[in-house]
Amino acid sequence: MSQHNQEQPNDPAGSTTMFRRFVAENNEPEEAPRRPITPYVLAAVGAIVAIGIIVVVVMTWS
């Protein structure tokens, strides 16, 4: 019975308050927004298509 009297009560509200304080005081800098890769992919695909068209035209006229 003496062990039962020595238990600490669990306080989930206290943990929540501490977590909210931690989040509010978090001073980590945010990452810079990443540049989208879509324009580079489209440019590469366009260059490959253009080279393909040139090769087809040269092969046709040869």
PDB file of N, CA and C in Angstrom:
ATOM      1  N   MET A   1       0.804  -1.193   0.000  1.00  0.00           N
ATOM      2  CA  MET A   1       0.000   0.000   0.000  1.00  0.00           C
ATOM      3  C   MET A   1       0.855   1.269   0.000  1.00  0.00           C
ATOM      4  N   SER A   2       2.059   1.213   0.537  1.00  0.00           N
ATOM      5  CA  SER A   2       2.888   2.410   0.595  1.00  0.00           C
ATOM      6  C   SER A   2       3.334   2.838  -0.804  1.00  0.00           C
ATOM      7  N   GLN A   3       3.437   1.885  -1.743  1.00  0.00           N
ATOM      8  CA  GLN A   3       3.814   2.234  -3.105  1.00  0.00           C
ATOM      9  C   GLN A   3       2.702   3.021  -3.786  1.00  0.00           C
ATOM     10  N   HIS A   4       1.484   2.716  -3.474  1.00  0.00           N
ATOM     11  CA  HIS A   4       0.355   3.405  -4.090  1.00  0.00           C
ATOM     12  C   HIS A   4       0.326   4.879  -3.680  1.00  0.00           C
ATOM     13  N   ASN A   5       0.708   5.179  -2.477  1.00  0.00           N
ATOM     14  CA  ASN A   5       0.677   6.561  -2.002  1.00  0.00           C
ATOM     15  C   ASN A   5       1.815   7.389  -2.589  1.00  0.00           C
ATOM     16  N   GLN A   6       2.871   6.766  -3.078  1.00  0.00           N
ATOM     17  CA  GLN A   6       4.026   7.498  -3.584  1.00  0.00           C
ATOM     18  C   GLN A   6       3.928   7.789  -5.087  1.00  0.00           C
ATOM     19  N   GLU A   7       2.923   7.310  -5.764  1.00  0.00           N
ATOM     20  CA  GLU A   7       2.793   7.542  -7.202  1.00  0.00           C
ATOM     21  C   GLU A   7       2.479   9.007  -7.473  1.00  0.00           C
ATOM     22  N   GLN A   8       3.101   9.513  -8.528  1.00  0.00           N
ATOM     23  CA  GLN A   8       2.834  10.895  -8.941  1.00  0.00           C
ATOM     24  C   GLN A   8       1.610  10.904  -9.845  1.00  0.00           C
ATOM     25  N   PRO A   9       0.708  11.836  -9.667  1.00  0.00           N
ATOM     26  CA  PRO A   9      -0.455  11.887 -10.570  1.00  0.00           C
ATOM     27  C   PRO A   9      -0.017  12.322 -11.969  1.00  0.00           C
ATOM     28  N   ASN A  10      -0.598  11.716 -12.968  1.00  0.00           N
ATOM     29  CA  ASN A  10      -0.278  12.046 -14.352  1.00  0.00           C
ATOM     30  C   ASN A  10      -1.063  13.294 -14.752  1.00  0.00           C
ATOM     31  N   ASP A  11      -0.362  14.292 -15.269  1.00  0.00           N
ATOM     32  CA  ASP A  11      -0.998  15.559 -15.618  1.00  0.00           C
ATOM     33  C   ASP A  11      -0.794  15.822 -17.115  1.00  0.00           C
ATOM     34  N   PRO A  12      -1.665  15.279 -17.976  1.00  0.00           N
ATOM     35  CA  PRO A  12      -1.482  15.509 -19.408  1.00  0.00           C
ATOM     36  C   PRO A  12      -1.682  16.972 -19.798  1.00  0.00           C
ATOM     37  N   ALA A  13      -2.458  17.730 -19.060  1.00  0.00           N
ATOM     38  CA  ALA A  13      -2.647  19.147 -19.389  1.00  0.00           C
ATOM     39  C   ALA A  13      -1.349  19.913 -19.182  1.00  0.00           C
ATOM     40  N   GLY A  14      -0.582  19.559 -18.177  1.00  0.00           N
ATOM     41  CA  GLY A  14       0.703  20.208 -17.949  1.00  0.00           C
ATOM     42  C   GLY A  14       1.660  19.926 -19.088  1.00  0.00           C
ATOM     43  N   SER A  15       1.662  18.708 -19.598  1.00  0.00           N
ATOM     44  CA  SER A  15       2.524  18.352 -20.723  1.00  0.00           C
ATOM     45  C   SER A  15       2.110  19.131 -21.966  1.00  0.00           C
ATOM     46  N   THR A  16       0.822  19.284 -22.177  1.00  0.00           N
ATOM     47  CA  THR A  16       0.338  20.040 -23.331  1.00  0.00           C
ATOM     48  C   THR A  16       0.768  21.494 -23.238  1.00  0.00           C
ATOM     49  N   THR A  17       0.664  22.062 -22.038  1.00  0.00           N
ATOM     50  CA  THR A  17       1.081  23.455 -21.849  1.00  0.00           C
ATOM     51  C   THR A  17       2.566  23.610 -22.133  1.00  0.00           C
ATOM     52  N   MET A  18       3.368  22.684 -21.651  1.00  0.00           N
ATOM     53  CA  MET A  18       4.808  22.754 -21.904  1.00  0.00           C
ATOM     54  C   MET A  18       5.112  22.600 -23.386  1.00  0.00           C
ATOM     55  N   PHE A  19       4.385  21.729 -24.073  1.00  0.00           N
ATOM     56  CA  PHE A  19       4.603  21.544 -25.509  1.00  0.00           C
ATOM     57  C   PHE A  19       4.245  22.817 -26.266  1.00  0.00           C
ATOM     58  N   ARG A  20       3.131  23.424 -25.922  1.00  0.00           N
ATOM     59  CA  ARG A  20       2.734  24.666 -26.602  1.00  0.00           C
ATOM     60  C   ARG A  20       3.754  25.761 -26.371  1.00  0.00           C
ATOM     61  N   ARG A  21       4.304  25.841 -25.186  1.00  0.00           N
ATOM     62  CA  ARG A  21       5.329  26.836 -24.901  1.00  0.00           C
ATOM     63  C   ARG A  21       6.578  26.552 -25.729  1.00  0.00           C
ATOM     64  N   PHE A  22       6.958  25.280 -25.844  1.00  0.00           N
ATOM     65  CA  PHE A  22       8.116  24.914 -26.653  1.00  0.00           C
ATOM     66  C   PHE A  22       7.914  25.311 -28.109  1.00  0.00           C
ATOM     67  N   VAL A  23       6.728  25.046 -28.646  1.00  0.00           N
ATOM     68  CA  VAL A  23       6.458  25.383 -30.043  1.00  0.00           C
ATOM     69  C   VAL A  23       6.464  26.893 -30.235  1.00  0.00           C
ATOM     70  N   ALA A  24       5.900  27.631 -29.286  1.00  0.00           N
ATOM     71  CA  ALA A  24       5.844  29.089 -29.404  1.00  0.00           C
ATOM     72  C   ALA A  24       7.236  29.700 -29.324  1.00  0.00           C
ATOM     73  N   GLU A  25       8.129  29.098 -28.553  1.00  0.00           N
ATOM     74  CA  GLU A  25       9.468  29.654 -28.374  1.00  0.00           C
ATOM     75  C   GLU A  25      10.489  29.055 -29.319  1.00  0.00           C
ATOM     76  N   ASN A  26      10.077  28.203 -30.228  1.00  0.00           N
ATOM     77  CA  ASN A  26      11.002  27.561 -31.157  1.00  0.00           C
ATOM     78  C   ASN A  26      11.544  28.612 -32.118  1.00  0.00           C
ATOM     79  N   ASN A  27      12.840  28.854 -32.060  1.00  0.00           N
ATOM     80  CA  ASN A  27      13.454  29.916 -32.855  1.00  0.00           C
ATOM     81  C   ASN A  27      14.262  29.381 -34.035  1.00  0.00           C
ATOM     82  N   GLU A  28      13.964  28.162 -34.481  1.00  0.00           N
ATOM     83  CA  GLU A  28      14.687  27.624 -35.619  1.00  0.00           C
ATOM     84  C   GLU A  28      14.289  28.390 -36.876  1.00  0.00           C
ATOM     85  N   PRO A  29      15.267  28.766 -37.695  1.00  0.00           N
ATOM     86  CA  PRO A  29      14.922  29.481 -38.935  1.00  0.00           C
ATOM     87  C   PRO A  29      14.226  28.543 -39.907  1.00  0.00           C
ATOM     88  N   GLU A  30      13.290  29.096 -40.645  1.00  0.00           N
ATOM     89  CA  GLU A  30      12.576  28.304 -41.634  1.00  0.00           C
ATOM     90  C   GLU A  30      13.454  28.132 -42.873  1.00  0.00           C
ATOM     91  N   GLU A  31      13.293  27.004 -43.543  1.00  0.00           N
ATOM     92  CA  GLU A  31      14.054  26.767 -44.754  1.00  0.00           C
ATOM     93  C   GLU A  31      13.582  27.703 -45.860  1.00  0.00           C
ATOM     94  N   ALA A  32      14.531  28.092 -46.696  1.00  0.00           N
ATOM     95  CA  ALA A  32      14.170  28.929 -47.836  1.00  0.00           C
ATOM     96  C   ALA A  32      13.312  28.102 -48.786  1.00  0.00           C
ATOM     97  N   PRO A  33      12.335  28.712 -49.411  1.00  0.00           N
ATOM     98  CA  PRO A  33      11.486  27.945 -50.334  1.00  0.00           C
ATOM     99  C   PRO A  33      12.322  27.412 -51.498  1.00  0.00           C
ATOM    100  N   ARG A  34      12.055  26.176 -51.846  1.00  0.00           N
ATOM    101  CA  ARG A  34      12.803  25.543 -52.929  1.00  0.00           C
ATOM    102  C   ARG A  34      12.249  25.984 -54.269  1.00  0.00           C
ATOM    103  N   ARG A  35      13.150  26.173 -55.222  1.00  0.00           N
ATOM    104  CA  ARG A  35      12.722  26.569 -56.560  1.00  0.00           C
ATOM    105  C   ARG A  35      12.076  25.373 -57.244  1.00  0.00           C
ATOM    106  N   PRO A  36      11.009  25.601 -57.986  1.00  0.00           N
ATOM    107  CA  PRO A  36      10.346  24.478 -58.669  1.00  0.00           C
ATOM    108  C   PRO A  36      11.242  23.902 -59.763  1.00  0.00           C
ATOM    109  N   ILE A  37      11.184  22.606 -59.931  1.00  0.00           N
ATOM    110  CA  ILE A  37      12.010  21.926 -60.923  1.00  0.00           C
ATOM    111  C   ILE A  37      11.281  21.772 -62.254  1.00  0.00           C
ATOM    112  N   THR A  38       9.990  22.032 -62.281  1.00  0.00           N
ATOM    113  CA  THR A  38       9.187  21.830 -63.490  1.00  0.00           C
ATOM    114  C   THR A  38       9.720  22.599 -64.705  1.00  0.00           C
ATOM    115  N   PRO A  39      10.099  23.880 -64.584  1.00  0.00           N
ATOM    116  CA  PRO A  39      10.601  24.577 -65.786  1.00  0.00           C
ATOM    117  C   PRO A  39      11.857  23.923 -66.367  1.00  0.00           C
ATOM    118  N   TYR A  40      12.726  23.406 -65.500  1.00  0.00           N
ATOM    119  CA  TYR A  40      13.942  22.756 -65.990  1.00  0.00           C
ATOM    120  C   TYR A  40      13.616  21.458 -66.716  1.00  0.00           C
ATOM    121  N   VAL A  41      12.661  20.710 -66.196  1.00  0.00           N
ATOM    122  CA  VAL A  41      12.254  19.466 -66.844  1.00  0.00           C
ATOM    123  C   VAL A  41      11.628  19.772 -68.202  1.00  0.00           C
ATOM    124  N   LEU A  42      10.768  20.781 -68.247  1.00  0.00           N
ATOM    125  CA  LEU A  42      10.134  21.143 -69.518  1.00  0.00           C
ATOM    126  C   LEU A  42      11.163  21.639 -70.529  1.00  0.00           C
ATOM    127  N   ALA A  43      12.155  22.401 -70.080  1.00  0.00           N
ATOM    128  CA  ALA A  43      13.204  22.873 -70.980  1.00  0.00           C
ATOM    129  C   ALA A  43      14.009  21.709 -71.532  1.00  0.00           C
ATOM    130  N   ALA A  44      14.324  20.741 -70.677  1.00  0.00           N
ATOM    131  CA  ALA A  44      15.087  19.576 -71.130  1.00  0.00           C
ATOM    132  C   ALA A  44      14.284  18.754 -72.139  1.00  0.00           C
ATOM    133  N   VAL A  45      13.014  18.534 -71.863  1.00  0.00           N
ATOM    134  CA  VAL A  45      12.168  17.780 -72.785  1.00  0.00           C
ATOM    135  C   VAL A  45      12.040  18.527 -74.109  1.00  0.00           C
ATOM    136  N   GLY A  46      11.880  19.839 -74.042  1.00  0.00           N
ATOM    137  CA  GLY A  46      11.791  20.642 -75.264  1.00  0.00           C
ATOM    138  C   GLY A  46      13.059  20.570 -76.085  1.00  0.00           C
ATOM    139  N   ALA A  47      14.218  20.604 -75.427  1.00  0.00           N
ATOM    140  CA  ALA A  47      15.493  20.512 -76.142  1.00  0.00           C
ATOM    141  C   ALA A  47      15.635  19.149 -76.809  1.00  0.00           C
ATOM    142  N   ILE A  48      15.245  18.091 -76.116  1.00  0.00           N
ATOM    143  CA  ILE A  48      15.334  16.746 -76.700  1.00  0.00           C
ATOM    144  C   ILE A  48      14.404  16.614 -77.899  1.00  0.00           C
ATOM    145  N   VAL A  49      13.196  17.160 -77.787  1.00  0.00           N
ATOM    146  CA  VAL A  49      12.245  17.108 -78.911  1.00  0.00           C
ATOM    147  C   VAL A  49      12.784  17.908 -80.089  1.00  0.00           C
ATOM    148  N   ALA A  50      13.355  19.082 -79.801  1.00  0.00           N
ATOM    149  CA  ALA A  50      13.903  19.904 -80.893  1.00  0.00           C
ATOM    150  C   ALA A  50      15.048  19.185 -81.598  1.00  0.00           C
ATOM    151  N   ILE A  51      15.932  18.563 -80.841  1.00  0.00           N
ATOM    152  CA  ILE A  51      17.042  17.812 -81.445  1.00  0.00           C
ATOM    153  C   ILE A  51      16.492  16.646 -82.267  1.00  0.00           C
ATOM    154  N   GLY A  52      15.466  15.988 -81.741  1.00  0.00           N
ATOM    155  CA  GLY A  52      14.846  14.888 -82.486  1.00  0.00           C
ATOM    156  C   GLY A  52      14.251  15.355 -83.795  1.00  0.00           C
ATOM    157  N   ILE A  53      13.591  16.494 -83.783  1.00  0.00           N
ATOM    158  CA  ILE A  53      13.004  17.034 -85.022  1.00  0.00           C
ATOM    159  C   ILE A  53      14.098  17.369 -86.019  1.00  0.00           C
ATOM    160  N   ILE A  54      15.174  17.970 -85.552  1.00  0.00           N
ATOM    161  CA  ILE A  54      16.285  18.322 -86.449  1.00  0.00           C
ATOM    162  C   ILE A  54      16.887  17.057 -87.058  1.00  0.00           C
ATOM    163  N   VAL A  55      17.068  16.025 -86.244  1.00  0.00           N
ATOM    164  CA  VAL A  55      17.631  14.774 -86.750  1.00  0.00           C
ATOM    165  C   VAL A  55      16.704  14.154 -87.792  1.00  0.00           C
ATOM    166  N   VAL A  56      15.405  14.167 -87.557  1.00  0.00           N
ATOM    167  CA  VAL A  56      14.442  13.597 -88.503  1.00  0.00           C
ATOM    168  C   VAL A  56      14.479  14.383 -89.830  1.00  0.00           C
ATOM    169  N   VAL A  57      14.522  15.717 -89.745  1.00  0.00           N
ATOM    170  CA  VAL A  57      14.557  16.535 -90.968  1.00  0.00           C
ATOM    171  C   VAL A  57      15.840  16.268 -91.747  1.00  0.00           C
ATOM    172  N   VAL A  58      16.969  16.201 -91.034  1.00  0.00           N
ATOM    173  CA  VAL A  58      18.231  15.959 -91.735  1.00  0.00           C
ATOM    174  C   VAL A  58      18.244  14.575 -92.359  1.00  0.00           C
ATOM    175  N   MET A  59      17.713  13.575 -91.656  1.00  0.00           N
ATOM    176  CA  MET A  59      17.671  12.210 -92.189  1.00  0.00           C
ATOM    177  C   MET A  59      16.731  12.133 -93.402  1.00  0.00           C
ATOM    178  N   THR A  60      15.641  12.911 -93.372  1.00  0.00           N
ATOM    179  CA  THR A  60      14.670  12.892 -94.480  1.00  0.00           C
ATOM    180  C   THR A  60      15.292  13.514 -95.735  1.00  0.00           C
ATOM    181  N   TRP A  61      16.001  14.607 -95.607  1.00  0.00           N
ATOM    182  CA  TRP A  61      16.550  15.320 -96.755  1.00  0.00           C
ATOM    183  C   TRP A  61      17.874  14.741 -97.238  1.00  0.00           C
ATOM    184  N   SER A  62      18.417  13.783 -96.517  1.00  0.00           N
ATOM    185  CA  SER A  62      19.700  13.214 -96.954  1.00  0.00           C
ATOM    186  C   SER A  62      19.501  12.084 -97.930  1.00  0.00           C
TER     187      SER A  62
END
